[in-house]
Structures are given as C-alpha cells and as structure tokens.
Protein backbone atom coordinates (compact mmCIF):
# COMPACT_ATOMS: atom_id res chain seq x y z
CA MET A 1 -8.11 -70.57 -75.36
CA PRO A 2 -6.53 -72.45 -78.29
CA GLY A 3 -7.25 -76.14 -77.94
CA SER A 4 -10.16 -75.57 -75.54
CA ARG A 5 -13.38 -77.52 -75.88
CA ILE A 6 -16.40 -75.19 -75.87
CA SER A 7 -19.69 -76.47 -74.54
CA ALA A 8 -22.97 -74.68 -73.87
CA VAL A 9 -23.90 -74.39 -70.21
CA ARG A 10 -26.75 -72.85 -68.24
CA TRP A 11 -25.97 -70.62 -65.30
CA PRO A 12 -27.68 -72.92 -62.74
CA ALA A 13 -25.74 -75.91 -64.06
CA LEU A 14 -22.48 -73.95 -63.87
CA ALA A 15 -23.29 -72.96 -60.29
CA ASP A 16 -23.92 -76.63 -59.48
CA GLU A 17 -20.58 -77.65 -61.00
CA LEU A 18 -18.65 -74.96 -59.13
CA ALA A 19 -20.44 -75.78 -55.86
CA GLU A 20 -19.60 -79.47 -56.18
CA ARG A 21 -15.98 -78.59 -56.82
CA LEU A 22 -15.82 -76.30 -53.79
CA SER A 23 -17.71 -78.67 -51.52
CA ARG A 24 -14.95 -81.26 -51.99
CA ALA A 25 -12.24 -78.78 -50.98
CA GLU A 26 -11.07 -78.72 -47.37
CA GLY A 27 -10.75 -75.57 -45.30
CA ARG A 28 -11.90 -72.05 -46.09
CA GLN A 29 -12.21 -71.25 -49.76
CA ARG A 30 -11.97 -67.87 -51.47
CA VAL A 31 -13.63 -67.44 -54.85
CA LEU A 32 -13.36 -64.57 -57.35
CA ILE A 33 -16.07 -64.31 -60.02
CA ASP A 34 -14.89 -61.71 -62.50
CA GLY A 35 -16.74 -60.22 -65.42
CA PRO A 36 -17.91 -56.91 -66.90
CA PRO A 37 -21.37 -55.69 -65.81
CA PRO A 38 -23.34 -57.17 -68.74
CA THR A 39 -22.24 -60.68 -67.68
CA ARG A 40 -23.83 -60.18 -64.23
CA PRO A 41 -21.09 -61.81 -62.12
CA GLU A 42 -23.02 -61.03 -58.95
CA ALA A 43 -25.92 -63.18 -60.19
CA LEU A 44 -23.65 -66.20 -60.58
CA ALA A 45 -22.19 -65.48 -57.15
CA GLN A 46 -25.65 -65.60 -55.60
CA LEU A 47 -26.53 -68.82 -57.42
CA LEU A 48 -23.28 -70.37 -56.25
CA ALA A 49 -23.84 -69.27 -52.65
CA GLU A 50 -27.32 -70.83 -52.65
CA ARG A 51 -25.94 -74.15 -53.90
CA LEU A 52 -23.11 -74.13 -51.36
CA ARG A 53 -25.45 -73.47 -48.45
CA VAL A 54 -27.59 -76.44 -49.50
CA LEU A 55 -24.40 -78.52 -49.47
CA GLY A 56 -23.70 -77.40 -45.91
CA ARG A 57 -20.94 -74.85 -46.58
CA ARG A 58 -21.58 -71.47 -45.02
CA THR A 59 -20.99 -68.82 -47.67
CA VAL A 60 -20.68 -65.03 -47.69
CA THR A 61 -20.96 -63.04 -50.92
CA VAL A 62 -19.22 -59.71 -51.42
CA GLU A 63 -19.62 -57.34 -54.36
CA ALA A 64 -16.52 -55.51 -55.52
CA ALA A 65 -18.68 -52.41 -56.08
CA ASP A 66 -18.84 -52.12 -52.28
CA TYR A 67 -15.04 -52.00 -52.15
CA LEU A 68 -14.31 -48.96 -54.29
CA ARG A 69 -11.89 -46.34 -53.06
CA PRO A 70 -13.14 -42.93 -51.84
CA ALA A 71 -14.09 -40.41 -54.52
CA SER A 72 -11.13 -38.17 -53.63
CA VAL A 73 -8.82 -40.95 -54.80
CA ARG A 74 -11.02 -42.68 -57.38
CA LEU A 75 -11.93 -39.54 -59.28
CA GLU A 76 -8.71 -37.59 -58.89
CA HIS A 77 -8.32 -37.36 -62.68
CA GLY A 78 -12.01 -36.93 -63.47
CA HIS A 79 -15.11 -39.08 -63.64
CA THR A 80 -14.39 -40.70 -67.00
CA ASP A 81 -10.72 -41.66 -67.03
CA PRO A 82 -10.47 -45.30 -68.21
CA ASP A 83 -6.93 -45.76 -66.92
CA GLU A 84 -7.92 -44.66 -63.43
CA PHE A 85 -11.00 -46.88 -63.68
CA LEU A 86 -8.72 -49.88 -64.18
CA ASP A 87 -5.83 -48.90 -61.95
CA SER A 88 -7.30 -46.96 -59.04
CA TRP A 89 -11.02 -47.53 -58.49
CA LEU A 90 -10.93 -50.91 -56.75
CA ASP A 91 -9.69 -51.00 -53.16
CA VAL A 92 -7.48 -54.04 -53.63
CA ALA A 93 -5.81 -53.67 -50.23
CA GLY A 94 -9.21 -53.41 -48.55
CA LEU A 95 -10.45 -56.59 -50.19
CA ARG A 96 -7.32 -58.44 -49.22
CA ARG A 97 -7.48 -57.20 -45.63
CA GLU A 98 -11.22 -57.32 -44.91
CA VAL A 99 -12.48 -60.15 -47.13
CA LEU A 100 -9.75 -62.43 -48.46
CA ASN A 101 -7.82 -62.71 -45.21
CA THR A 102 -6.92 -65.98 -43.49
CA ASP A 103 -8.79 -65.51 -40.21
CA GLY A 104 -12.31 -65.98 -41.60
CA ARG A 105 -13.62 -62.60 -40.43
CA VAL A 106 -15.32 -61.02 -43.45
CA LEU A 107 -16.58 -57.45 -43.78
CA PRO A 108 -19.34 -57.72 -46.42
CA ARG A 109 -19.25 -54.05 -47.43
CA LEU A 110 -16.67 -51.32 -46.85
CA TRP A 111 -17.38 -48.17 -48.87
CA ASN A 112 -20.66 -46.79 -50.21
CA ALA A 113 -19.63 -45.12 -53.45
CA ALA A 114 -23.09 -43.56 -53.89
CA ASN A 115 -22.74 -41.28 -50.89
CA ASP A 116 -18.97 -41.59 -50.45
CA ARG A 117 -18.96 -42.84 -46.89
CA ALA A 118 -18.24 -46.06 -45.06
CA PHE A 119 -20.89 -48.70 -44.54
CA ARG A 120 -21.67 -49.74 -40.96
CA ASP A 121 -21.63 -53.48 -41.55
CA SER A 122 -20.44 -55.90 -38.88
CA ARG A 123 -17.94 -58.59 -39.66
CA VAL A 124 -19.18 -62.09 -40.39
CA GLU A 125 -17.34 -65.01 -38.77
CA LEU A 126 -16.86 -67.87 -41.20
CA PRO A 127 -16.30 -71.40 -39.86
CA ALA A 128 -13.18 -73.34 -40.71
CA ASP A 129 -14.84 -74.65 -43.89
CA GLY A 130 -16.62 -71.41 -44.83
CA ILE A 131 -16.52 -69.89 -48.29
CA VAL A 132 -16.36 -66.27 -49.41
CA VAL A 133 -17.34 -65.32 -52.97
CA VAL A 134 -16.30 -61.93 -54.38
CA SER A 135 -17.95 -60.83 -57.62
CA GLY A 136 -17.35 -57.86 -59.88
CA ALA A 137 -15.32 -56.47 -62.75
CA LEU A 138 -11.56 -56.17 -63.24
CA LEU A 139 -10.69 -58.41 -60.28
CA LEU A 140 -8.04 -60.73 -61.67
CA GLY A 141 -4.30 -60.29 -62.10
CA ARG A 142 -4.06 -58.04 -59.04
CA GLY A 143 -2.58 -60.49 -56.56
CA LEU A 144 -5.87 -61.09 -54.76
CA PRO A 145 -5.63 -64.49 -53.02
CA ALA A 146 -8.20 -67.06 -54.14
CA GLU A 147 -8.51 -70.82 -54.34
CA LEU A 148 -10.88 -70.57 -57.32
CA THR A 149 -11.14 -67.89 -60.00
CA VAL A 150 -13.88 -67.62 -62.62
CA HIS A 151 -13.76 -65.22 -65.57
CA LEU A 152 -16.91 -64.38 -67.53
CA ARG A 153 -15.42 -63.28 -70.83
CA MET A 154 -16.88 -60.89 -73.37
CA THR A 155 -15.13 -59.89 -76.58
CA ALA A 156 -14.56 -56.16 -77.04
CA ALA A 157 -17.25 -56.00 -79.72
CA ALA A 158 -19.87 -57.77 -77.60
CA LEU A 159 -19.05 -55.64 -74.58
CA ALA A 160 -19.42 -52.45 -76.61
CA ARG A 161 -22.83 -53.60 -77.86
CA ARG A 162 -24.10 -54.48 -74.41
CA THR A 163 -22.66 -51.59 -72.39
CA GLU A 164 -24.94 -48.61 -71.92
CA GLU A 165 -23.76 -45.55 -73.79
CA SER A 166 -23.06 -43.53 -70.66
CA LEU A 167 -20.42 -46.12 -69.70
CA HIS A 168 -18.66 -46.40 -73.06
CA TRP A 169 -15.79 -44.42 -71.59
CA THR A 170 -14.90 -47.55 -69.56
CA LEU A 171 -14.37 -49.74 -72.64
CA PRO A 172 -10.64 -48.94 -73.12
CA ALA A 173 -10.07 -50.13 -69.55
CA TYR A 174 -11.35 -53.60 -70.44
CA VAL A 175 -9.06 -53.72 -73.48
CA ARG A 176 -6.07 -52.95 -71.25
CA TYR A 177 -7.31 -55.43 -68.66
CA ASP A 178 -7.33 -58.27 -71.19
CA VAL A 179 -3.80 -57.45 -72.33
CA GLU A 180 -2.16 -56.66 -69.00
CA HIS A 181 -4.01 -58.79 -66.43
CA HIS A 182 -4.61 -61.99 -68.46
CA PRO A 183 -8.06 -62.82 -67.04
CA THR A 184 -8.50 -65.77 -69.42
CA GLU A 185 -5.95 -67.62 -67.27
CA ALA A 186 -8.64 -68.02 -64.59
CA HIS A 187 -9.33 -71.54 -63.30
CA VAL A 188 -12.75 -71.45 -65.01
CA LEU A 189 -13.39 -69.55 -68.24
CA VAL A 190 -16.94 -68.83 -69.36
CA LEU A 191 -17.66 -67.28 -72.76
CA ALA A 192 -20.50 -64.83 -72.26
CA ASP A 193 -20.83 -62.69 -75.39
CA ASP A 194 -24.52 -63.55 -75.09
CA PRO A 195 -25.11 -63.69 -71.31
CA ASP A 196 -28.29 -65.69 -71.89
CA ARG A 197 -26.32 -68.40 -73.73
CA PRO A 198 -23.00 -68.86 -71.92
CA ALA A 199 -20.46 -71.49 -72.90
CA LEU A 200 -17.78 -73.17 -70.82
CA ALA A 201 -14.25 -73.42 -72.19
CA ARG A 202 -12.51 -76.59 -71.03
CA SER A 203 -8.85 -77.30 -71.65
C-alpha cells in the first residue's frame, strides 16, 4: 500500500464504481469479493449485483460459505484448528469447477455446512456477457480464476476487536493469510477497519 492514495468511500458508491467498470468489460466476468466476516463481503456482492442488473448484465452471486468441504475433511483435526481453517475448509476445486468455469453454467450452492449435506440447487445458465460474483473470506491467492478481485482489508487489531469471541480461534489464520496469500495485491483494495467508514486505496 505504500504510495497509495486513500479516499473515503460509501459502499453504494463503491458498488457503482465496480459495476461501471464491469459493464464496460466484454464477455463473461468473474469477480471475487474477499474479506473477513466483519467486513460483510456478501453485502457488497449483493449491492454490486443489483447495480449490474440495472445496467443490463445478468449476475449470479455465490457465497463461499456454501462451498465448504464436508465435515469429515474440514474438521479432521478438530473444530478450532486455524491452519485447517485456512488450508482445508474452502472447496477451491468445487468453486473452480462449478462456479468459475468457462461455460457459464453456475451452481449457486454446493454444500450445506450446517447439516453436512449437498444442496439441491439447479445450475444457472449465464449469457455470454453474464457475471458471477463470489464473496467470502480467505478467497485470494488460491489460483481461483477471476477478472476482478476485491479485498476488504482489516488490520489484525481491528479484526480481533470486531470478531465475536467464539471465533477468536480463527484469527491466526488471517495472519497467515496476509503473509502467505498476499490479498492486498487484489485489483481493488478497500480499507475496512471500520466497516461503516470504508476507504478506497488507489495506486
């Protein structure tokens, strides 16, 4: 972020800016909106989808929480292992195959982690200029294909303050994520220590 210009932005205005950018792009577009739970990446994804639909681009939103691996794999080393949380919870292959593919056939949800069984969703056919937006935590630096990546950044201190105590065991995973996966190299970087007052970092 050295040398970046920081400017305050409201979430609706950011959604407008991203939608305008995507509406000018030709062909199908794949978007990753990455951020820890307190930044509410799924809320930005919904705002963005609304703007894109108004602009005439059919859009499907997918939450990474619906693409977790089965409990037998995800929880092999216990329910509170931060390394497994980072390395093994997300079904990266499933997202690549069912959502971020090149044929435009998107499966909105794959695995219901609450009851540990598959969803029964049907695939959605996107037109040649359709857009799919995936939102969630710990998405970047995994080789997931995307034409646009957005990272909602929280410092470790802010994340610790805003994460509920029962999930504090996940905090070391986000420290590793920052170091090993380099999420600040996303196309769009949003500083969200206070999610009600985000700021856009421009190079």
